[in-house]
């Protein structure tokens, strides 16, 4: 696994995010049907991952520990750290030949259902940005696929009790199906550490960088380099 870029998002720059193939025409104003999924979709098996910390499997996957997320980073991938201007880590992007993959986890209701709201909002936002947006049935129900300029985006979300995991991949259009498969594989192997503390719904779960990455970033900064 290669190391470890860092970037701060410029003012006004939107977070890159992913998408794919059925038109949203005919769905309700949230971009979804009444149950929160595209017609004919089915929710994925909760025993197949992503996993809650309490249900994490005993397997041989090497996962990157980011505090709230434990991610099985693909071989040959690079990591890029995105910092909030106030200092906290906003996101860790996984850069592969198929595109940039990003996972974030959020506090959610015990009953689930947060992804339905978020998915509809994403569709509206993407269209406002000039993207062509479609609804897709994926392993966990509703996904979004969008084309924005020369980038193909795929978004998916997984609702569990007290947390929601959102995944995004941004890549070249000709690799869209491969990129979507890579995103699903990453999500399926991820462990979410929600913690027991109460949080408002939609609060991002904190990302903590491993000490080795922190030291790499600090050393690069001291040498006047942009880590990467």
Protein backbone atom coordinates (compact mmCIF):
# COMPACT_ATOMS: atom_id res chain seq x y z
CA UNK A 1 0.00 0.00 0.00
CA UNK A 2 1.52 3.26 -1.05
CA UNK A 3 1.45 6.42 1.04
CA UNK A 4 -0.36 9.09 1.80
CA UNK A 5 -1.30 12.36 0.27
CA UNK A 6 -3.02 15.21 2.00
CA UNK A 7 -5.26 17.82 0.50
CA UNK A 8 -7.38 20.66 1.75
CA UNK A 9 -10.49 21.36 -0.22
CA UNK A 10 -10.44 24.78 -1.82
CA UNK A 11 -13.24 27.17 -0.95
CA UNK A 12 -16.27 26.37 -3.07
CA UNK A 13 -14.94 23.02 -4.24
CA UNK A 14 -17.54 20.28 -3.84
CA UNK A 15 -16.64 16.90 -2.48
CA UNK A 16 -16.22 14.38 -5.29
CA UNK A 17 -18.92 11.71 -5.23
CA UNK A 18 -20.26 8.75 -7.36
CA UNK A 19 -23.29 7.47 -9.55
CA UNK A 20 -25.05 5.18 -12.57
CA UNK A 21 -27.97 3.92 -14.88
CA UNK A 22 -31.86 4.24 -14.69
CA UNK A 23 -33.52 7.59 -14.99
CA UNK A 24 -35.02 9.10 -11.85
CA UNK A 25 -38.11 10.13 -13.84
CA UNK A 26 -41.17 8.51 -12.28
CA UNK A 27 -39.73 8.49 -8.77
CA UNK A 28 -40.96 10.88 -6.10
CA UNK A 29 -39.55 14.29 -5.26
CA UNK A 30 -36.84 12.73 -3.12
CA UNK A 31 -35.59 10.76 -6.11
CA UNK A 32 -36.92 7.54 -4.57
CA UNK A 33 -40.06 5.47 -4.48
CA UNK A 34 -42.26 5.40 -1.39
CA UNK A 35 -40.06 2.81 0.32
CA UNK A 36 -36.79 4.59 -0.38
CA UNK A 37 -35.61 2.26 -3.13
CA UNK A 38 -35.84 2.09 -6.88
CA UNK A 39 -38.64 -0.14 -8.11
CA UNK A 40 -37.67 -3.80 -7.91
CA UNK A 41 -34.72 -3.24 -5.58
CA UNK A 42 -33.89 -5.38 -2.58
CA UNK A 43 -31.94 -4.59 0.55
CA UNK A 44 -28.67 -6.48 0.89
CA UNK A 45 -28.04 -9.19 3.46
CA UNK A 46 -26.96 -7.48 6.72
CA UNK A 47 -24.81 -10.50 7.55
CA UNK A 48 -22.65 -9.86 4.48
CA UNK A 49 -21.21 -6.51 5.57
CA UNK A 50 -20.55 -3.73 6.13
CA UNK A 51 -20.27 -4.74 9.74
CA UNK A 52 -20.92 -3.11 13.07
CA UNK A 53 -18.00 -3.37 15.46
CA UNK A 54 -20.00 -5.77 17.67
CA UNK A 55 -20.60 -8.08 14.70
CA UNK A 56 -17.18 -7.83 13.05
CA UNK A 57 -16.03 -11.11 11.51
CA UNK A 58 -12.89 -12.92 12.54
CA UNK A 59 -11.20 -12.99 9.17
CA UNK A 60 -7.76 -12.48 7.65
CA UNK A 61 -8.43 -9.12 5.96
CA UNK A 62 -5.87 -6.42 6.75
CA UNK A 63 -7.91 -3.30 7.45
CA UNK A 64 -6.76 0.31 7.81
CA UNK A 65 -7.93 1.54 11.23
CA UNK A 66 -9.36 5.05 10.95
CA UNK A 67 -11.12 5.09 14.30
CA UNK A 68 -14.74 5.04 13.19
CA UNK A 69 -13.93 2.99 10.09
CA UNK A 70 -11.80 -0.07 9.47
CA UNK A 71 -11.32 -0.33 5.73
CA UNK A 72 -9.77 -3.18 3.67
CA UNK A 73 -7.60 -0.98 1.45
CA UNK A 74 -6.88 -2.66 -1.91
CA UNK A 75 -3.32 -3.66 -2.80
CA UNK A 76 -1.51 -0.94 -4.72
CA UNK A 77 -3.85 1.82 -3.60
CA UNK A 78 -2.72 5.22 -2.41
CA UNK A 79 -4.31 7.23 0.37
CA UNK A 80 -5.12 10.92 0.23
CA UNK A 81 -6.08 12.74 3.42
CA UNK A 82 -8.53 15.63 3.15
CA UNK A 83 -8.38 18.06 6.07
CA UNK A 84 -11.05 20.43 7.28
CA UNK A 85 -9.76 24.03 7.51
CA UNK A 86 -10.43 23.84 11.26
CA UNK A 87 -8.07 20.88 11.57
CA UNK A 88 -10.07 17.62 11.79
CA UNK A 89 -9.82 14.98 9.08
CA UNK A 90 -12.71 15.39 6.65
CA UNK A 91 -12.12 12.24 4.61
CA UNK A 92 -9.57 9.66 3.55
CA UNK A 93 -9.72 8.96 -0.18
CA UNK A 94 -8.50 5.68 -1.63
CA UNK A 95 -6.91 6.20 -5.03
CA UNK A 96 -6.89 3.21 -7.39
CA UNK A 97 -6.61 2.63 -11.12
CA UNK A 98 -10.40 2.39 -11.23
CA UNK A 99 -11.02 5.74 -9.55
CA UNK A 100 -11.15 7.53 -6.21
CA UNK A 101 -13.15 5.75 -3.50
CA UNK A 102 -14.36 7.46 -0.34
CA UNK A 103 -16.29 6.10 2.64
CA UNK A 104 -17.84 8.15 5.43
CA UNK A 105 -20.00 7.03 8.34
CA UNK A 106 -22.67 9.09 10.11
CA UNK A 107 -24.82 8.81 13.22
CA UNK A 108 -28.29 7.60 12.28
CA UNK A 109 -31.58 6.59 13.90
CA UNK A 110 -31.90 3.10 15.36
CA UNK A 111 -34.67 2.47 12.88
CA UNK A 112 -32.49 3.33 9.88
CA UNK A 113 -33.83 5.16 6.85
CA UNK A 114 -31.29 7.98 6.71
CA UNK A 115 -29.96 6.96 3.30
CA UNK A 116 -33.38 7.59 1.73
CA UNK A 117 -33.17 11.25 2.76
CA UNK A 118 -29.54 11.66 1.82
CA UNK A 119 -29.96 9.96 -1.55
CA UNK A 120 -32.76 12.31 -2.57
CA UNK A 121 -30.75 15.35 -1.50
CA UNK A 122 -27.72 14.16 -3.45
CA UNK A 123 -29.80 13.75 -6.60
CA UNK A 124 -31.09 17.32 -6.30
CA UNK A 125 -27.62 18.70 -5.60
CA UNK A 126 -25.99 16.84 -8.47
CA UNK A 127 -28.61 18.02 -10.94
CA UNK A 128 -28.14 21.59 -9.71
CA UNK A 129 -24.41 21.18 -10.45
CA UNK A 130 -25.21 20.16 -14.03
CA UNK A 131 -24.85 16.40 -13.66
CA UNK A 132 -26.93 13.80 -15.46
CA UNK A 133 -28.34 11.63 -12.67
CA UNK A 134 -29.81 8.13 -12.77
CA UNK A 135 -31.20 5.75 -10.18
CA UNK A 136 -29.71 2.26 -9.92
CA UNK A 137 -30.62 -0.85 -7.94
CA UNK A 138 -27.57 -2.05 -6.05
CA UNK A 139 -26.68 -4.61 -3.40
CA UNK A 140 -28.16 -2.51 -0.59
CA UNK A 141 -31.02 -0.93 -2.51
CA UNK A 142 -30.93 2.57 -3.99
CA UNK A 143 -27.77 3.86 -5.64
CA UNK A 144 -27.14 6.96 -7.71
CA UNK A 145 -25.12 7.15 -10.88
CA UNK A 146 -24.17 10.51 -12.34
CA UNK A 147 -22.08 11.94 -15.12
CA UNK A 148 -20.43 15.28 -14.37
CA UNK A 149 -18.09 16.50 -17.08
CA UNK A 150 -15.54 13.77 -17.76
CA UNK A 151 -16.18 12.01 -14.45
CA UNK A 152 -18.56 9.15 -13.73
CA UNK A 153 -19.82 9.04 -10.14
CA UNK A 154 -21.46 6.26 -8.14
CA UNK A 155 -23.04 6.76 -4.69
CA UNK A 156 -24.35 4.06 -2.39
CA UNK A 157 -25.51 4.01 1.19
CA UNK A 158 -26.07 1.35 3.83
CA UNK A 159 -28.41 1.87 6.78
CA UNK A 160 -27.77 0.06 10.03
CA UNK A 161 -28.98 0.65 13.57
CA UNK A 162 -27.47 3.96 14.77
CA UNK A 163 -25.19 4.51 11.77
CA UNK A 164 -25.21 4.97 8.03
CA UNK A 165 -22.25 4.29 5.74
CA UNK A 166 -22.00 6.26 2.52
CA UNK A 167 -19.65 5.27 -0.28
CA UNK A 168 -18.61 7.20 -3.37
CA UNK A 169 -16.40 6.41 -6.33
CA UNK A 170 -15.35 8.89 -9.00
CA UNK A 171 -13.64 7.59 -12.13
CA UNK A 172 -13.52 7.55 -15.92
CA UNK A 173 -16.83 6.70 -17.65
CA UNK A 174 -15.36 3.74 -19.54
CA UNK A 175 -14.54 2.03 -16.19
CA UNK A 176 -17.86 2.82 -14.51
CA UNK A 177 -19.03 -0.76 -13.93
CA UNK A 178 -15.62 -1.86 -12.66
CA UNK A 179 -15.47 1.17 -10.36
CA UNK A 180 -18.92 0.41 -8.96
CA UNK A 181 -17.90 -3.18 -8.26
CA UNK A 182 -14.75 -1.99 -6.48
CA UNK A 183 -16.82 0.35 -4.32
CA UNK A 184 -19.27 -2.40 -3.34
CA UNK A 185 -16.39 -4.72 -2.48
CA UNK A 186 -14.80 -2.05 -0.28
CA UNK A 187 -18.10 -1.34 1.50
CA UNK A 188 -18.82 -5.03 2.02
CA UNK A 189 -15.55 -5.54 3.90
CA UNK A 190 -15.71 -2.39 6.05
CA UNK A 191 -16.28 -2.32 9.81
CA UNK A 192 -18.01 0.71 11.38
CA UNK A 193 -17.18 1.70 14.97
CA UNK A 194 -20.14 3.81 16.06
CA UNK A 195 -19.40 4.04 19.79
CA UNK A 196 -22.01 4.32 22.51
CA UNK A 197 -22.21 8.09 22.94
CA UNK A 198 -25.39 9.87 21.81
CA UNK A 199 -25.00 12.01 18.68
CA UNK A 200 -27.37 14.07 16.57
CA UNK A 201 -28.49 12.28 13.42
CA UNK A 202 -26.14 12.99 10.46
CA UNK A 203 -23.14 13.77 12.66
CA UNK A 204 -20.03 12.45 10.86
CA UNK A 205 -18.24 9.78 12.85
CA UNK A 206 -14.73 10.95 13.69
CA UNK A 207 -11.84 9.82 11.52
CA UNK A 208 -8.54 9.25 13.34
CA UNK A 209 -5.37 8.74 11.34
CA UNK A 210 -2.89 6.02 12.28
CA UNK A 211 0.29 7.39 13.81
CA UNK A 212 2.39 6.28 10.83
CA UNK A 213 0.31 8.45 8.48
CA UNK A 214 0.44 11.43 10.86
CA UNK A 215 4.23 11.16 11.04
CA UNK A 216 4.51 10.91 7.26
CA UNK A 217 2.41 14.05 6.77
CA UNK A 218 4.32 15.98 9.43
CA UNK A 219 7.68 15.00 7.97
CA UNK A 220 6.62 16.05 4.48
CA UNK A 221 5.39 19.41 5.78
CA UNK A 222 8.63 20.03 7.65
CA UNK A 223 10.54 19.38 4.44
CA UNK A 224 8.36 21.86 2.61
CA UNK A 225 6.79 19.17 0.46
CA UNK A 226 3.23 18.37 -0.42
CA UNK A 227 2.81 14.76 0.77
CA UNK A 228 1.89 12.33 -1.94
